[in-house]
Amino acid sequence: MPCDPPHHRDAKGTLIHTDEYDIYARLENWGYGHKTVCHAHGEYARDDDGFCEVNSIEGFWSLLRSWLRPHRGIAQEKLPAYLGFFQFIHNARQRGKALLGALIAALVT
């Protein structure tokens, strides 16, 4: 039986940026887009569309752990809500006003 990741109704097709660590190789099989940076060649970020897609998953998880630490544990069924909220805050901080336009467009359509 294959090991599948937890699914969120909107997660399929999400583009994920990582380094070349083997554990990420199955992302495309699970339906995610996947781009990598090669640390061995000194590559740590790529700017393909005006936003710097940094291999920041490690940083994201580190910030999330720090943000959740005061809660001293959360119920597993509430984790998707916490992750979604943290993701929104993180993206808003990273993309600023550009995120607002995308959010309004998504709400209107």
C-alpha atoms as a PDB file:
ATOM      1  CA  MET A   1       0.000   0.000   0.000  1.00  0.00           C
ATOM      2  CA  PRO A   2       1.611   3.312  -1.063  1.00  0.00           C
ATOM      3  CA  CYS A   3       2.237   5.978   1.506  1.00  0.00           C
ATOM      4  CA  ASP A   4       0.274   9.055   0.462  1.00  0.00           C
ATOM      5  CA  PRO A   5       0.523  12.471   2.119  1.00  0.00           C
ATOM      6  CA  PRO A   6      -2.443  14.004   3.912  1.00  0.00           C
ATOM      7  CA  HIS A   7      -4.682  15.653   1.335  1.00  0.00           C
ATOM      8  CA  HIS A   8      -6.262  19.063   1.379  1.00  0.00           C
ATOM      9  CA  ARG A   9      -9.008  19.730  -1.119  1.00  0.00           C
ATOM     10  CA  ASP A  10      -7.003  22.500  -2.823  1.00  0.00           C
ATOM     11  CA  ALA A  11      -3.516  21.015  -2.547  1.00  0.00           C
ATOM     12  CA  LYS A  12      -3.325  19.136  -5.862  1.00  0.00           C
ATOM     13  CA  GLY A  13      -1.362  21.061  -8.447  1.00  0.00           C
ATOM     14  CA  THR A  14       0.394  23.220  -5.850  1.00  0.00           C
ATOM     15  CA  LEU A  15       3.923  24.094  -6.952  1.00  0.00           C
ATOM     16  CA  ILE A  16       6.465  23.191  -4.283  1.00  0.00           C
ATOM     17  CA  HIS A  17      10.048  24.481  -4.289  1.00  0.00           C
ATOM     18  CA  THR A  18      12.659  22.343  -2.518  1.00  0.00           C
ATOM     19  CA  ASP A  19      16.277  21.337  -2.699  1.00  0.00           C
ATOM     20  CA  GLU A  20      17.274  18.075  -4.404  1.00  0.00           C
ATOM     21  CA  TYR A  21      16.886  15.872  -1.323  1.00  0.00           C
ATOM     22  CA  ASP A  22      15.509  12.457  -2.421  1.00  0.00           C
ATOM     23  CA  ILE A  23      12.547  12.535  -0.037  1.00  0.00           C
ATOM     24  CA  TYR A  24      10.894  15.171  -2.265  1.00  0.00           C
ATOM     25  CA  ALA A  25      11.078  13.011  -5.425  1.00  0.00           C
ATOM     26  CA  ARG A  26       7.571  11.600  -4.942  1.00  0.00           C
ATOM     27  CA  LEU A  27       5.836  14.990  -4.873  1.00  0.00           C
ATOM     28  CA  GLU A  28       5.042  14.866  -8.602  1.00  0.00           C
ATOM     29  CA  ASN A  29       3.594  11.340  -8.234  1.00  0.00           C
ATOM     30  CA  TRP A  30       1.250  12.759  -5.597  1.00  0.00           C
ATOM     31  CA  GLY A  31       0.005  15.463  -7.975  1.00  0.00           C
ATOM     32  CA  TYR A  32       2.123  18.436  -6.935  1.00  0.00           C
ATOM     33  CA  GLY A  33       4.295  20.577  -9.162  1.00  0.00           C
ATOM     34  CA  HIS A  34       7.929  20.431  -8.086  1.00  0.00           C
ATOM     35  CA  LYS A  35      10.933  22.644  -8.777  1.00  0.00           C
ATOM     36  CA  THR A  36      14.322  22.291  -7.167  1.00  0.00           C
ATOM     37  CA  VAL A  37      17.400  24.342  -6.434  1.00  0.00           C
ATOM     38  CA  CYS A  38      20.836  22.720  -6.323  1.00  0.00           C
ATOM     39  CA  HIS A  39      22.741  23.668  -3.183  1.00  0.00           C
ATOM     40  CA  ALA A  40      25.829  21.809  -4.494  1.00  0.00           C
ATOM     41  CA  HIS A  41      26.050  24.399  -7.290  1.00  0.00           C
ATOM     42  CA  GLY A  42      25.522  27.313  -4.898  1.00  0.00           C
ATOM     43  CA  GLU A  43      21.882  27.785  -5.886  1.00  0.00           C
ATOM     44  CA  TYR A  44      19.551  28.685  -3.028  1.00  0.00           C
ATOM     45  CA  ALA A  45      16.830  30.706  -4.762  1.00  0.00           C
ATOM     46  CA  ARG A  46      15.325  31.257  -8.190  1.00  0.00           C
ATOM     47  CA  ASP A  47      13.304  34.182  -9.503  1.00  0.00           C
ATOM     48  CA  ASP A  48      11.196  33.004 -12.459  1.00  0.00           C
ATOM     49  CA  ASP A  49       8.202  35.337 -12.107  1.00  0.00           C
ATOM     50  CA  GLY A  50       9.190  38.437 -10.156  1.00  0.00           C
ATOM     51  CA  PHE A  51       8.912  36.706  -6.772  1.00  0.00           C
ATOM     52  CA  CYS A  52      11.964  34.996  -5.360  1.00  0.00           C
ATOM     53  CA  GLU A  53      11.077  31.327  -4.964  1.00  0.00           C
ATOM     54  CA  VAL A  54      13.445  30.396  -2.185  1.00  0.00           C
ATOM     55  CA  ASN A  55      13.992  26.897  -0.941  1.00  0.00           C
ATOM     56  CA  SER A  56      12.319  28.016   2.221  1.00  0.00           C
ATOM     57  CA  ILE A  57      10.402  24.964   3.380  1.00  0.00           C
ATOM     58  CA  GLU A  58      12.935  24.455   6.161  1.00  0.00           C
ATOM     59  CA  GLY A  59      12.527  28.078   7.196  1.00  0.00           C
ATOM     60  CA  PHE A  60       8.738  27.830   6.936  1.00  0.00           C
ATOM     61  CA  TRP A  61       8.619  24.785   9.251  1.00  0.00           C
ATOM     62  CA  SER A  62      11.017  26.448  11.664  1.00  0.00           C
ATOM     63  CA  LEU A  63       8.803  29.551  11.845  1.00  0.00           C
ATOM     64  CA  LEU A  64       5.696  27.373  12.201  1.00  0.00           C
ATOM     65  CA  ARG A  65       7.198  25.431  15.119  1.00  0.00           C
ATOM     66  CA  SER A  66       8.075  28.689  16.853  1.00  0.00           C
ATOM     67  CA  TRP A  67       4.575  30.042  16.230  1.00  0.00           C
ATOM     68  CA  LEU A  68       2.897  26.876  17.571  1.00  0.00           C
ATOM     69  CA  ARG A  69       5.206  26.421  20.582  1.00  0.00           C
ATOM     70  CA  PRO A  70       3.126  28.608  22.967  1.00  0.00           C
ATOM     71  CA  HIS A  71       0.081  26.424  22.262  1.00  0.00           C
ATOM     72  CA  ARG A  72       1.897  23.381  23.728  1.00  0.00           C
ATOM     73  CA  GLY A  73       0.248  21.030  21.277  1.00  0.00           C
ATOM     74  CA  ILE A  74      -2.884  21.197  19.182  1.00  0.00           C
ATOM     75  CA  ALA A  75      -5.502  18.618  18.254  1.00  0.00           C
ATOM     76  CA  GLN A  76      -4.670  16.742  15.040  1.00  0.00           C
ATOM     77  CA  GLU A  77      -8.037  17.582  13.468  1.00  0.00           C
ATOM     78  CA  LYS A  78      -7.335  21.303  13.963  1.00  0.00           C
ATOM     79  CA  LEU A  79      -3.852  21.184  12.421  1.00  0.00           C
ATOM     80  CA  PRO A  80      -5.073  21.964   8.842  1.00  0.00           C
ATOM     81  CA  ALA A  81      -6.747  25.154  10.099  1.00  0.00           C
ATOM     82  CA  TYR A  82      -3.606  26.252  11.941  1.00  0.00           C
ATOM     83  CA  LEU A  83      -1.458  25.457   8.889  1.00  0.00           C
ATOM     84  CA  GLY A  84      -3.801  27.326   6.556  1.00  0.00           C
ATOM     85  CA  PHE A  85      -3.828  30.406   8.754  1.00  0.00           C
ATOM     86  CA  PHE A  86      -0.055  30.360   9.174  1.00  0.00           C
ATOM     87  CA  GLN A  87       0.406  29.878   5.415  1.00  0.00           C
ATOM     88  CA  PHE A  88      -1.809  32.890   4.706  1.00  0.00           C
ATOM     89  CA  ILE A  89       0.104  35.077   7.187  1.00  0.00           C
ATOM     90  CA  HIS A  90       3.457  33.879   5.828  1.00  0.00           C
ATOM     91  CA  ASN A  91       2.448  34.575   2.208  1.00  0.00           C
ATOM     92  CA  ALA A  92       1.005  37.972   3.074  1.00  0.00           C
ATOM     93  CA  ARG A  93       4.262  38.911   4.773  1.00  0.00           C
ATOM     94  CA  GLN A  94       6.345  37.644   1.831  1.00  0.00           C
ATOM     95  CA  ARG A  95       4.304  39.102  -1.028  1.00  0.00           C
ATOM     96  CA  GLY A  96       2.717  42.118   0.606  1.00  0.00           C
ATOM     97  CA  LYS A  97       0.384  44.111  -1.643  1.00  0.00           C
ATOM     98  CA  ALA A  98       0.743  41.647  -4.535  1.00  0.00           C
ATOM     99  CA  LEU A  99      -1.069  39.031  -2.440  1.00  0.00           C
ATOM    100  CA  LEU A 100      -3.987  41.379  -1.803  1.00  0.00           C
ATOM    101  CA  GLY A 101      -4.795  41.609  -5.518  1.00  0.00           C
ATOM    102  CA  ALA A 102      -4.732  37.817  -5.874  1.00  0.00           C
ATOM    103  CA  LEU A 103      -6.945  37.413  -2.806  1.00  0.00           C
ATOM    104  CA  ILE A 104      -9.531  39.911  -4.101  1.00  0.00           C
ATOM    105  CA  ALA A 105      -9.514  38.237  -7.522  1.00  0.00           C
ATOM    106  CA  ALA A 106     -10.103  34.843  -5.907  1.00  0.00           C
ATOM    107  CA  LEU A 107     -12.982  36.199  -3.818  1.00  0.00           C
ATOM    108  CA  VAL A 108     -14.679  37.841  -6.807  1.00  0.00           C
ATOM    109  CA  THR A 109     -14.541  34.781  -9.089  1.00  0.00           C
END
